[in-house]
N, C-alpha and C. Protein backbone atom coordinates (compact mmCIF):
# COMPACT_ATOMS: atom_id res chain seq x y z
N MET A 1 -11.68 -31.92 -19.80
CA MET A 1 -11.95 -31.57 -18.39
C MET A 1 -13.32 -30.89 -18.31
N ASN A 2 -14.18 -31.42 -17.43
CA ASN A 2 -15.50 -30.80 -17.34
C ASN A 2 -15.43 -29.48 -16.55
N ASN A 3 -16.47 -28.66 -16.73
CA ASN A 3 -16.47 -27.32 -16.14
C ASN A 3 -16.42 -27.37 -14.61
N HIS A 4 -17.11 -28.34 -14.01
CA HIS A 4 -17.14 -28.43 -12.55
C HIS A 4 -15.73 -28.70 -11.99
N LEU A 5 -15.02 -29.61 -12.64
CA LEU A 5 -13.66 -29.94 -12.20
C LEU A 5 -12.73 -28.75 -12.40
N PHE A 6 -12.88 -28.04 -13.54
CA PHE A 6 -12.03 -26.86 -13.81
C PHE A 6 -12.25 -25.78 -12.76
N LEU A 7 -13.53 -25.50 -12.44
CA LEU A 7 -13.84 -24.47 -11.44
C LEU A 7 -13.33 -24.87 -10.06
N SER A 8 -13.42 -26.16 -9.75
CA SER A 8 -12.93 -26.66 -8.47
C SER A 8 -11.42 -26.48 -8.35
N MET A 9 -10.71 -26.80 -9.44
CA MET A 9 -9.25 -26.64 -9.45
C MET A 9 -8.87 -25.17 -9.35
N ARG A 10 -9.60 -24.31 -10.07
CA ARG A 10 -9.31 -22.89 -10.05
C ARG A 10 -9.52 -22.31 -8.65
N LEU A 11 -10.61 -22.75 -7.99
CA LEU A 11 -10.88 -22.28 -6.64
C LEU A 11 -9.78 -22.71 -5.69
N ARG A 12 -9.33 -23.96 -5.83
CA ARG A 12 -8.24 -24.45 -4.98
C ARG A 12 -6.97 -23.62 -5.20
N ASP A 13 -6.69 -23.31 -6.47
CA ASP A 13 -5.51 -22.52 -6.80
C ASP A 13 -5.60 -21.12 -6.18
N GLU A 14 -6.78 -20.50 -6.27
CA GLU A 14 -6.98 -19.17 -5.69
C GLU A 14 -6.84 -19.23 -4.17
N ASN A 15 -7.32 -20.32 -3.57
CA ASN A 15 -7.16 -20.49 -2.13
C ASN A 15 -5.69 -20.61 -1.75
N LYS A 16 -4.93 -21.33 -2.58
CA LYS A 16 -3.49 -21.48 -2.33
C LYS A 16 -2.78 -20.14 -2.49
N MET A 17 -3.16 -19.40 -3.51
CA MET A 17 -2.54 -18.09 -3.74
C MET A 17 -2.80 -17.16 -2.56
N GLU A 18 -4.02 -17.17 -2.05
CA GLU A 18 -4.37 -16.34 -0.90
C GLU A 18 -3.59 -16.78 0.34
N ALA A 19 -3.44 -18.09 0.50
CA ALA A 19 -2.69 -18.62 1.64
C ALA A 19 -1.22 -18.19 1.55
N VAL A 20 -0.66 -18.22 0.36
CA VAL A 20 0.73 -17.80 0.16
C VAL A 20 0.87 -16.31 0.43
N PHE A 21 -0.09 -15.53 -0.04
CA PHE A 21 -0.10 -14.08 0.17
C PHE A 21 -0.07 -13.76 1.67
N LYS A 22 -0.97 -14.36 2.42
CA LYS A 22 -1.06 -14.11 3.86
C LYS A 22 0.18 -14.63 4.60
N ALA A 23 0.64 -15.81 4.20
CA ALA A 23 1.80 -16.41 4.86
C ALA A 23 3.06 -15.59 4.62
N SER A 24 3.18 -15.04 3.43
CA SER A 24 4.36 -14.22 3.10
C SER A 24 4.41 -12.99 3.99
N ILE A 25 3.28 -12.31 4.11
CA ILE A 25 3.22 -11.10 4.94
C ILE A 25 3.51 -11.45 6.40
N LYS A 26 2.90 -12.51 6.90
CA LYS A 26 3.10 -12.92 8.29
C LYS A 26 4.56 -13.29 8.55
N THR A 27 5.15 -14.06 7.66
CA THR A 27 6.53 -14.52 7.84
C THR A 27 7.51 -13.35 7.80
N ILE A 28 7.34 -12.47 6.82
CA ILE A 28 8.23 -11.30 6.71
C ILE A 28 8.10 -10.41 7.94
N ASN A 29 6.88 -10.18 8.38
CA ASN A 29 6.67 -9.31 9.55
C ASN A 29 7.26 -9.90 10.83
N GLU A 30 7.29 -11.22 10.90
CA GLU A 30 7.79 -11.87 12.11
C GLU A 30 9.31 -12.04 12.12
N ILE A 31 9.90 -12.40 10.96
CA ILE A 31 11.34 -12.71 10.98
C ILE A 31 12.17 -11.88 10.00
N GLY A 32 11.52 -11.04 9.20
CA GLY A 32 12.24 -10.16 8.29
C GLY A 32 12.55 -10.79 6.95
N PHE A 33 13.07 -9.98 6.05
CA PHE A 33 13.34 -10.42 4.68
C PHE A 33 14.50 -11.41 4.60
N VAL A 34 15.55 -11.14 5.35
CA VAL A 34 16.75 -11.96 5.25
C VAL A 34 16.50 -13.38 5.76
N ALA A 35 15.85 -13.49 6.89
CA ALA A 35 15.63 -14.81 7.50
C ALA A 35 14.53 -15.61 6.81
N SER A 36 13.67 -14.93 6.09
CA SER A 36 12.56 -15.64 5.43
C SER A 36 13.06 -16.39 4.20
N SER A 37 12.32 -17.39 3.82
CA SER A 37 12.65 -18.18 2.62
C SER A 37 11.37 -18.71 2.03
N VAL A 38 11.45 -19.16 0.80
CA VAL A 38 10.27 -19.75 0.16
C VAL A 38 9.79 -20.96 0.95
N ALA A 39 10.74 -21.74 1.47
CA ALA A 39 10.38 -22.93 2.25
C ALA A 39 9.60 -22.56 3.51
N LYS A 40 10.04 -21.52 4.21
CA LYS A 40 9.35 -21.09 5.43
C LYS A 40 7.97 -20.52 5.12
N ILE A 41 7.88 -19.77 4.03
CA ILE A 41 6.59 -19.22 3.62
C ILE A 41 5.64 -20.35 3.23
N ALA A 42 6.16 -21.33 2.49
CA ALA A 42 5.34 -22.48 2.08
C ALA A 42 4.83 -23.24 3.30
N LYS A 43 5.70 -23.42 4.29
CA LYS A 43 5.29 -24.13 5.51
C LYS A 43 4.17 -23.38 6.22
N GLU A 44 4.30 -22.06 6.32
CA GLU A 44 3.26 -21.24 6.96
C GLU A 44 1.96 -21.30 6.17
N ALA A 45 2.06 -21.35 4.85
CA ALA A 45 0.87 -21.38 3.98
C ALA A 45 0.28 -22.78 3.84
N ARG A 46 1.01 -23.77 4.34
CA ARG A 46 0.60 -25.18 4.23
C ARG A 46 0.48 -25.63 2.78
N VAL A 47 1.46 -25.21 2.01
CA VAL A 47 1.59 -25.68 0.62
C VAL A 47 3.04 -26.11 0.43
N SER A 48 3.33 -26.77 -0.66
CA SER A 48 4.71 -27.17 -0.93
C SER A 48 5.45 -26.00 -1.58
N PRO A 49 6.77 -25.91 -1.38
CA PRO A 49 7.55 -24.87 -2.08
C PRO A 49 7.34 -24.92 -3.59
N ALA A 50 7.16 -26.13 -4.12
CA ALA A 50 6.95 -26.27 -5.57
C ALA A 50 5.70 -25.53 -6.02
N THR A 51 4.68 -25.49 -5.16
CA THR A 51 3.45 -24.76 -5.49
C THR A 51 3.74 -23.28 -5.68
N ILE A 52 4.56 -22.72 -4.79
CA ILE A 52 4.91 -21.29 -4.90
C ILE A 52 5.67 -21.03 -6.19
N TYR A 53 6.56 -21.96 -6.56
CA TYR A 53 7.36 -21.77 -7.77
C TYR A 53 6.54 -21.91 -9.06
N ILE A 54 5.32 -22.42 -8.93
CA ILE A 54 4.43 -22.43 -10.10
C ILE A 54 4.05 -21.00 -10.47
N TYR A 55 3.86 -20.17 -9.45
CA TYR A 55 3.37 -18.81 -9.65
C TYR A 55 4.46 -17.75 -9.66
N TYR A 56 5.57 -18.03 -8.99
CA TYR A 56 6.63 -17.03 -8.86
C TYR A 56 7.99 -17.63 -9.19
N LYS A 57 8.83 -16.84 -9.84
CA LYS A 57 10.14 -17.33 -10.27
C LYS A 57 11.07 -17.57 -9.09
N CYS A 58 10.95 -16.72 -8.08
CA CYS A 58 11.87 -16.78 -6.94
C CYS A 58 11.27 -15.98 -5.78
N LYS A 59 11.97 -15.95 -4.66
CA LYS A 59 11.51 -15.21 -3.49
C LYS A 59 11.33 -13.73 -3.83
N GLU A 60 12.29 -13.16 -4.55
CA GLU A 60 12.21 -11.75 -4.92
C GLU A 60 10.94 -11.46 -5.72
N ASP A 61 10.65 -12.31 -6.68
CA ASP A 61 9.46 -12.15 -7.52
C ASP A 61 8.19 -12.20 -6.66
N LEU A 62 8.15 -13.11 -5.70
CA LEU A 62 7.01 -13.25 -4.79
C LEU A 62 6.82 -11.97 -3.97
N LEU A 63 7.89 -11.47 -3.38
CA LEU A 63 7.79 -10.32 -2.49
C LEU A 63 7.45 -9.04 -3.25
N VAL A 64 8.03 -8.88 -4.43
CA VAL A 64 7.70 -7.71 -5.25
C VAL A 64 6.24 -7.75 -5.66
N SER A 65 5.75 -8.93 -6.01
CA SER A 65 4.35 -9.08 -6.39
C SER A 65 3.42 -8.74 -5.24
N ILE A 66 3.77 -9.15 -4.03
CA ILE A 66 2.94 -8.86 -2.86
C ILE A 66 2.93 -7.35 -2.58
N TYR A 67 4.10 -6.73 -2.66
CA TYR A 67 4.17 -5.29 -2.44
C TYR A 67 3.31 -4.55 -3.46
N THR A 68 3.40 -4.95 -4.72
CA THR A 68 2.61 -4.32 -5.78
C THR A 68 1.11 -4.50 -5.52
N THR A 69 0.74 -5.68 -5.08
CA THR A 69 -0.67 -5.96 -4.75
C THR A 69 -1.15 -5.08 -3.60
N LEU A 70 -0.31 -4.94 -2.58
CA LEU A 70 -0.68 -4.11 -1.42
C LEU A 70 -0.81 -2.64 -1.79
N LYS A 71 0.07 -2.15 -2.65
CA LYS A 71 -0.03 -0.76 -3.10
C LYS A 71 -1.32 -0.54 -3.90
N LYS A 72 -1.70 -1.54 -4.67
CA LYS A 72 -2.95 -1.45 -5.44
C LYS A 72 -4.14 -1.42 -4.48
N LYS A 73 -4.10 -2.28 -3.45
CA LYS A 73 -5.17 -2.29 -2.45
C LYS A 73 -5.25 -0.94 -1.74
N LEU A 74 -4.08 -0.37 -1.42
CA LEU A 74 -4.04 0.94 -0.77
C LEU A 74 -4.67 2.01 -1.67
N SER A 75 -4.31 2.01 -2.94
CA SER A 75 -4.84 3.03 -3.85
C SER A 75 -6.36 2.90 -3.97
N GLN A 76 -6.85 1.66 -4.03
CA GLN A 76 -8.30 1.46 -4.11
C GLN A 76 -9.00 1.96 -2.85
N ALA A 77 -8.38 1.70 -1.70
CA ALA A 77 -8.96 2.16 -0.43
C ALA A 77 -8.96 3.68 -0.34
N MET A 78 -7.88 4.31 -0.81
CA MET A 78 -7.78 5.76 -0.75
C MET A 78 -8.82 6.44 -1.63
N LEU A 79 -9.29 5.73 -2.65
CA LEU A 79 -10.24 6.32 -3.60
C LEU A 79 -11.70 6.03 -3.27
N VAL A 80 -11.96 5.40 -2.14
CA VAL A 80 -13.34 5.15 -1.73
C VAL A 80 -14.05 6.48 -1.52
N GLY A 81 -15.19 6.66 -2.18
CA GLY A 81 -15.94 7.92 -2.06
C GLY A 81 -15.28 9.08 -2.77
N PHE A 82 -14.32 8.78 -3.64
CA PHE A 82 -13.58 9.82 -4.36
C PHE A 82 -14.50 10.56 -5.32
N ASP A 83 -14.51 11.87 -5.23
CA ASP A 83 -15.31 12.70 -6.13
C ASP A 83 -14.44 13.86 -6.62
N PRO A 84 -13.93 13.77 -7.86
CA PRO A 84 -13.03 14.80 -8.37
C PRO A 84 -13.68 16.17 -8.51
N ASN A 85 -15.00 16.21 -8.39
CA ASN A 85 -15.70 17.50 -8.51
C ASN A 85 -15.73 18.29 -7.20
N MET A 86 -15.35 17.64 -6.11
CA MET A 86 -15.30 18.36 -4.84
C MET A 86 -14.11 19.32 -4.84
N ALA A 87 -14.13 20.25 -3.91
CA ALA A 87 -12.99 21.16 -3.76
C ALA A 87 -11.74 20.33 -3.48
N ILE A 88 -10.61 20.78 -4.01
CA ILE A 88 -9.37 20.01 -3.94
C ILE A 88 -9.00 19.68 -2.50
N LYS A 89 -9.13 20.63 -1.60
CA LYS A 89 -8.79 20.36 -0.19
C LYS A 89 -9.68 19.25 0.38
N LYS A 90 -10.96 19.26 0.05
CA LYS A 90 -11.88 18.23 0.55
C LYS A 90 -11.55 16.86 -0.03
N VAL A 91 -11.18 16.84 -1.30
CA VAL A 91 -10.81 15.57 -1.94
C VAL A 91 -9.59 14.97 -1.23
N LEU A 92 -8.57 15.80 -1.02
CA LEU A 92 -7.34 15.31 -0.39
C LEU A 92 -7.58 14.89 1.06
N ARG A 93 -8.46 15.62 1.75
CA ARG A 93 -8.77 15.24 3.12
C ARG A 93 -9.45 13.87 3.15
N LYS A 94 -10.34 13.62 2.21
CA LYS A 94 -11.02 12.32 2.11
C LYS A 94 -10.00 11.22 1.85
N VAL A 95 -9.08 11.47 0.93
CA VAL A 95 -8.04 10.50 0.59
C VAL A 95 -7.17 10.20 1.82
N TRP A 96 -6.84 11.25 2.57
CA TRP A 96 -6.04 11.11 3.80
C TRP A 96 -6.72 10.19 4.79
N PHE A 97 -7.98 10.49 5.09
CA PHE A 97 -8.70 9.69 6.08
C PHE A 97 -8.88 8.25 5.61
N ASN A 98 -9.08 8.07 4.31
CA ASN A 98 -9.18 6.71 3.75
C ASN A 98 -7.87 5.94 3.96
N ALA A 99 -6.75 6.61 3.78
CA ALA A 99 -5.45 5.97 3.98
C ALA A 99 -5.28 5.55 5.44
N PHE A 100 -5.62 6.45 6.35
CA PHE A 100 -5.55 6.11 7.79
C PHE A 100 -6.43 4.90 8.10
N ASP A 101 -7.63 4.88 7.56
CA ASP A 101 -8.55 3.76 7.80
C ASP A 101 -7.95 2.44 7.30
N PHE A 102 -7.35 2.49 6.13
CA PHE A 102 -6.75 1.29 5.54
C PHE A 102 -5.63 0.75 6.43
N PHE A 103 -4.76 1.62 6.90
CA PHE A 103 -3.64 1.18 7.74
C PHE A 103 -4.11 0.71 9.11
N GLU A 104 -5.18 1.32 9.63
CA GLU A 104 -5.70 0.89 10.92
C GLU A 104 -6.35 -0.49 10.82
N LYS A 105 -6.99 -0.76 9.70
CA LYS A 105 -7.64 -2.06 9.49
C LYS A 105 -6.62 -3.14 9.14
N HIS A 106 -5.51 -2.75 8.54
CA HIS A 106 -4.52 -3.72 8.06
C HIS A 106 -3.11 -3.36 8.55
N PRO A 107 -2.88 -3.42 9.85
CA PRO A 107 -1.54 -3.09 10.35
C PRO A 107 -0.46 -4.02 9.81
N ASP A 108 -0.85 -5.26 9.47
CA ASP A 108 0.13 -6.20 8.90
C ASP A 108 0.56 -5.75 7.50
N TYR A 109 -0.38 -5.21 6.72
CA TYR A 109 -0.03 -4.69 5.40
C TYR A 109 0.94 -3.51 5.54
N PHE A 110 0.60 -2.63 6.48
CA PHE A 110 1.43 -1.44 6.70
C PHE A 110 2.85 -1.84 7.08
N MET A 111 2.97 -2.79 7.99
CA MET A 111 4.29 -3.23 8.45
C MET A 111 5.10 -3.82 7.30
N PHE A 112 4.45 -4.64 6.48
CA PHE A 112 5.15 -5.24 5.34
C PHE A 112 5.62 -4.16 4.37
N MET A 113 4.73 -3.22 4.03
CA MET A 113 5.09 -2.17 3.07
C MET A 113 6.21 -1.28 3.58
N GLU A 114 6.18 -0.98 4.88
CA GLU A 114 7.25 -0.18 5.48
C GLU A 114 8.59 -0.88 5.37
N GLN A 115 8.60 -2.17 5.73
CA GLN A 115 9.85 -2.93 5.64
C GLN A 115 10.33 -3.01 4.19
N PHE A 116 9.40 -3.29 3.30
CA PHE A 116 9.75 -3.46 1.89
C PHE A 116 10.33 -2.18 1.31
N SER A 117 9.68 -1.05 1.60
CA SER A 117 10.11 0.22 1.01
C SER A 117 11.47 0.67 1.52
N ASN A 118 11.92 0.08 2.64
CA ASN A 118 13.23 0.39 3.18
C ASN A 118 14.24 -0.74 2.95
N SER A 119 13.91 -1.62 2.00
CA SER A 119 14.80 -2.74 1.69
C SER A 119 15.31 -2.61 0.25
N PRO A 120 16.34 -3.36 -0.11
CA PRO A 120 16.84 -3.32 -1.49
C PRO A 120 15.80 -3.79 -2.52
N TYR A 121 14.78 -4.53 -2.06
CA TYR A 121 13.75 -5.01 -2.99
C TYR A 121 13.01 -3.88 -3.67
N ILE A 122 12.96 -2.72 -3.04
CA ILE A 122 12.21 -1.60 -3.61
C ILE A 122 12.75 -1.20 -4.97
N ASP A 123 14.03 -1.46 -5.22
CA ASP A 123 14.64 -1.13 -6.51
C ASP A 123 14.16 -2.04 -7.63
N LYS A 124 13.52 -3.15 -7.26
CA LYS A 124 13.04 -4.12 -8.26
C LYS A 124 11.61 -3.84 -8.70
N VAL A 125 10.98 -2.85 -8.08
CA VAL A 125 9.58 -2.54 -8.37
C VAL A 125 9.48 -1.65 -9.61
N ASP A 126 8.47 -1.90 -10.42
CA ASP A 126 8.17 -1.03 -11.57
C ASP A 126 7.36 0.16 -11.04
N HIS A 127 8.05 1.27 -10.78
CA HIS A 127 7.39 2.42 -10.15
C HIS A 127 6.40 3.11 -11.09
N ASP A 128 6.64 3.03 -12.38
CA ASP A 128 5.69 3.59 -13.35
C ASP A 128 4.36 2.84 -13.29
N GLU A 129 4.47 1.52 -13.14
CA GLU A 129 3.25 0.70 -13.03
C GLU A 129 2.51 1.02 -11.74
N LEU A 130 3.24 1.17 -10.64
CA LEU A 130 2.62 1.51 -9.37
C LEU A 130 1.91 2.86 -9.44
N GLU A 131 2.56 3.80 -10.09
CA GLU A 131 2.01 5.16 -10.19
C GLU A 131 0.66 5.18 -10.87
N GLN A 132 0.43 4.24 -11.78
CA GLN A 132 -0.84 4.18 -12.49
C GLN A 132 -2.02 4.01 -11.53
N ASN A 133 -1.78 3.32 -10.42
CA ASN A 133 -2.85 3.11 -9.43
C ASN A 133 -3.28 4.40 -8.74
N PHE A 134 -2.40 5.39 -8.76
CA PHE A 134 -2.66 6.64 -8.03
C PHE A 134 -2.91 7.82 -8.99
N GLN A 135 -3.23 7.49 -10.25
CA GLN A 135 -3.38 8.54 -11.26
C GLN A 135 -4.44 9.58 -10.90
N GLN A 136 -5.56 9.14 -10.34
CA GLN A 136 -6.63 10.09 -10.01
C GLN A 136 -6.18 11.09 -8.95
N ILE A 137 -5.40 10.61 -7.99
CA ILE A 137 -4.87 11.50 -6.95
C ILE A 137 -3.83 12.44 -7.54
N ILE A 138 -2.98 11.90 -8.40
CA ILE A 138 -1.96 12.72 -9.06
C ILE A 138 -2.61 13.81 -9.90
N GLN A 139 -3.70 13.46 -10.60
CA GLN A 139 -4.40 14.44 -11.43
C GLN A 139 -5.01 15.56 -10.59
N ILE A 140 -5.53 15.20 -9.41
CA ILE A 140 -6.08 16.22 -8.51
C ILE A 140 -4.97 17.17 -8.05
N MET A 141 -3.83 16.61 -7.72
CA MET A 141 -2.69 17.44 -7.29
C MET A 141 -2.27 18.38 -8.43
N GLN A 142 -2.23 17.85 -9.64
CA GLN A 142 -1.84 18.67 -10.79
C GLN A 142 -2.86 19.77 -11.05
N ARG A 143 -4.14 19.43 -10.88
CA ARG A 143 -5.18 20.43 -11.04
C ARG A 143 -5.01 21.56 -10.02
N GLY A 144 -4.65 21.18 -8.80
CA GLY A 144 -4.40 22.17 -7.77
C GLY A 144 -3.25 23.10 -8.13
N ILE A 145 -2.22 22.53 -8.74
CA ILE A 145 -1.09 23.34 -9.20
C ILE A 145 -1.53 24.29 -10.30
N ASP A 146 -2.26 23.73 -11.28
CA ASP A 146 -2.71 24.53 -12.43
C ASP A 146 -3.60 25.69 -11.99
N GLN A 147 -4.41 25.47 -10.95
CA GLN A 147 -5.33 26.50 -10.46
C GLN A 147 -4.68 27.39 -9.40
N GLU A 148 -3.39 27.18 -9.17
CA GLU A 148 -2.62 27.95 -8.19
C GLU A 148 -3.20 27.84 -6.78
N ILE A 149 -3.73 26.65 -6.49
CA ILE A 149 -4.21 26.34 -5.14
C ILE A 149 -3.10 25.63 -4.37
N ILE A 150 -2.33 24.85 -5.10
CA ILE A 150 -1.22 24.08 -4.53
C ILE A 150 0.09 24.61 -5.11
N LYS A 151 1.13 24.61 -4.30
CA LYS A 151 2.44 25.13 -4.73
C LYS A 151 2.98 24.37 -5.95
N ASP A 152 3.56 25.10 -6.86
CA ASP A 152 4.19 24.51 -8.04
C ASP A 152 5.65 24.23 -7.72
N VAL A 153 5.89 23.07 -7.11
CA VAL A 153 7.24 22.65 -6.72
C VAL A 153 7.46 21.26 -7.31
N PRO A 154 8.71 20.76 -7.30
CA PRO A 154 8.94 19.39 -7.81
C PRO A 154 7.93 18.40 -7.22
N PHE A 155 7.35 17.59 -8.09
CA PHE A 155 6.20 16.76 -7.71
C PHE A 155 6.52 15.79 -6.59
N GLU A 156 7.70 15.20 -6.60
CA GLU A 156 8.06 14.24 -5.56
C GLU A 156 8.11 14.93 -4.19
N LEU A 157 8.61 16.16 -4.19
CA LEU A 157 8.65 16.95 -2.96
C LEU A 157 7.24 17.26 -2.47
N LEU A 158 6.38 17.63 -3.40
CA LEU A 158 5.00 17.94 -3.08
C LEU A 158 4.28 16.72 -2.47
N MET A 159 4.44 15.55 -3.10
CA MET A 159 3.79 14.34 -2.62
C MET A 159 4.32 13.92 -1.26
N THR A 160 5.60 14.18 -1.02
CA THR A 160 6.20 13.85 0.28
C THR A 160 5.53 14.64 1.40
N PHE A 161 5.41 15.95 1.21
CA PHE A 161 4.79 16.78 2.24
C PHE A 161 3.29 16.52 2.34
N ALA A 162 2.67 16.10 1.24
CA ALA A 162 1.23 15.87 1.25
C ALA A 162 0.85 14.55 1.93
N PHE A 163 1.64 13.49 1.72
CA PHE A 163 1.19 12.16 2.15
C PHE A 163 2.10 11.42 3.12
N TYR A 164 3.37 11.79 3.23
CA TYR A 164 4.24 11.07 4.15
C TYR A 164 3.82 11.21 5.62
N PRO A 165 3.18 12.32 6.01
CA PRO A 165 2.70 12.38 7.40
C PRO A 165 1.76 11.23 7.76
N VAL A 166 0.98 10.75 6.79
CA VAL A 166 0.09 9.61 7.05
C VAL A 166 0.92 8.38 7.42
N LEU A 167 1.99 8.14 6.65
CA LEU A 167 2.84 6.99 6.91
C LEU A 167 3.54 7.10 8.26
N THR A 168 4.02 8.29 8.56
CA THR A 168 4.73 8.50 9.82
C THR A 168 3.80 8.31 11.01
N LEU A 169 2.62 8.92 10.95
CA LEU A 169 1.68 8.83 12.06
C LEU A 169 1.09 7.43 12.21
N SER A 170 1.03 6.68 11.12
CA SER A 170 0.50 5.31 11.17
C SER A 170 1.53 4.33 11.74
N ASN A 171 2.77 4.77 11.82
CA ASN A 171 3.85 3.92 12.33
C ASN A 171 3.90 4.05 13.85
N THR A 172 3.33 3.09 14.54
CA THR A 172 3.23 3.15 16.00
C THR A 172 4.59 3.11 16.69
N ARG A 173 5.61 2.61 16.01
CA ARG A 173 6.96 2.60 16.60
C ARG A 173 7.54 4.00 16.63
N LEU A 174 7.17 4.82 15.64
CA LEU A 174 7.69 6.18 15.58
C LEU A 174 6.84 7.16 16.38
N CYS A 175 5.55 6.92 16.39
CA CYS A 175 4.63 7.86 17.04
C CYS A 175 3.87 7.17 18.17
N LYS A 176 4.58 6.81 19.21
CA LYS A 176 3.98 6.06 20.32
C LYS A 176 3.05 6.92 21.16
N GLU A 177 3.32 8.21 21.22
CA GLU A 177 2.60 9.08 22.14
C GLU A 177 1.37 9.74 21.51
N ILE A 178 1.19 9.57 20.21
CA ILE A 178 0.08 10.25 19.51
C ILE A 178 -1.07 9.28 19.27
N GLN A 179 -2.25 9.62 19.79
CA GLN A 179 -3.43 8.82 19.52
C GLN A 179 -4.07 9.31 18.23
N LEU A 180 -4.37 8.37 17.35
CA LEU A 180 -4.94 8.75 16.06
C LEU A 180 -6.45 8.94 16.15
N THR A 181 -6.84 9.94 16.91
CA THR A 181 -8.25 10.34 16.97
C THR A 181 -8.57 11.12 15.69
N ASP A 182 -9.86 11.26 15.40
CA ASP A 182 -10.24 12.05 14.23
C ASP A 182 -9.74 13.49 14.36
N GLU A 183 -9.74 13.99 15.59
CA GLU A 183 -9.27 15.36 15.81
C GLU A 183 -7.79 15.49 15.46
N ASN A 184 -6.98 14.52 15.89
CA ASN A 184 -5.55 14.58 15.58
C ASN A 184 -5.27 14.36 14.10
N LYS A 185 -6.08 13.52 13.48
CA LYS A 185 -5.94 13.32 12.03
C LYS A 185 -6.24 14.62 11.30
N SER A 186 -7.29 15.30 11.73
CA SER A 186 -7.65 16.59 11.11
C SER A 186 -6.56 17.63 11.31
N LEU A 187 -6.01 17.69 12.53
CA LEU A 187 -4.91 18.63 12.79
C LEU A 187 -3.71 18.32 11.90
N ALA A 188 -3.39 17.03 11.77
CA ALA A 188 -2.26 16.63 10.93
C ALA A 188 -2.51 16.99 9.48
N PHE A 189 -3.75 16.75 9.02
CA PHE A 189 -4.06 17.11 7.63
C PHE A 189 -3.92 18.61 7.41
N ASP A 190 -4.41 19.40 8.34
CA ASP A 190 -4.32 20.86 8.20
C ASP A 190 -2.86 21.32 8.13
N LEU A 191 -1.99 20.68 8.90
CA LEU A 191 -0.57 21.01 8.85
C LEU A 191 0.03 20.66 7.49
N ALA A 192 -0.35 19.49 6.96
CA ALA A 192 0.15 19.08 5.64
C ALA A 192 -0.40 20.00 4.56
N TRP A 193 -1.68 20.35 4.68
CA TRP A 193 -2.30 21.24 3.69
C TRP A 193 -1.62 22.61 3.71
N ASP A 194 -1.32 23.12 4.90
CA ASP A 194 -0.62 24.40 5.00
C ASP A 194 0.75 24.37 4.33
N ALA A 195 1.37 23.17 4.33
CA ALA A 195 2.69 23.02 3.73
C ALA A 195 2.64 23.04 2.21
N ILE A 196 1.53 22.59 1.63
CA ILE A 196 1.48 22.46 0.16
C ILE A 196 0.63 23.53 -0.53
N LYS A 197 -0.24 24.22 0.21
CA LYS A 197 -1.13 25.19 -0.42
C LYS A 197 -0.34 26.46 -0.79
N CYS A 198 -0.84 27.17 -1.77
CA CYS A 198 -0.20 28.44 -2.18
C CYS A 198 -0.46 29.51 -1.13
């Protein structure tokens, strides 16, 4: 096989993978996990179901892979402009605003992740692998604990108070009356910071 043909095939495959990725998110967001199927996703992506089965063992494998990919994209977005040498509060504020920006730019990603995290599929995710994407943020939180800037409480509890407000406020179904202006984001961050600081 010559190089030109190989690159052409690889590009086509990547295009198909991207089409499946987008179609999966769109289909799940429109009809939910139960009603969706590989056949419906394939139809939306304009590929054959057999094409999807080349890359994924089953529907569960496909959806878990998409969720993992979205969490990785989120972690990368949260770390834009990340500088561990800044004061811990400033670092976390930057991470917060980055998360808001990501969800505002990708409401479809947010909707998929929300549905997924509240479905039985979440039990199929390798959470240790996911955590690796957020290691720099975790290290900052630990540094804050070590320096007695942040409360020394169970880590899952700490992360909940630190970051779940972003998820709640980004959910327009839950927070219909709150406009996500920079001022409101700052107020929300200050409330979260007050909850976790020593």
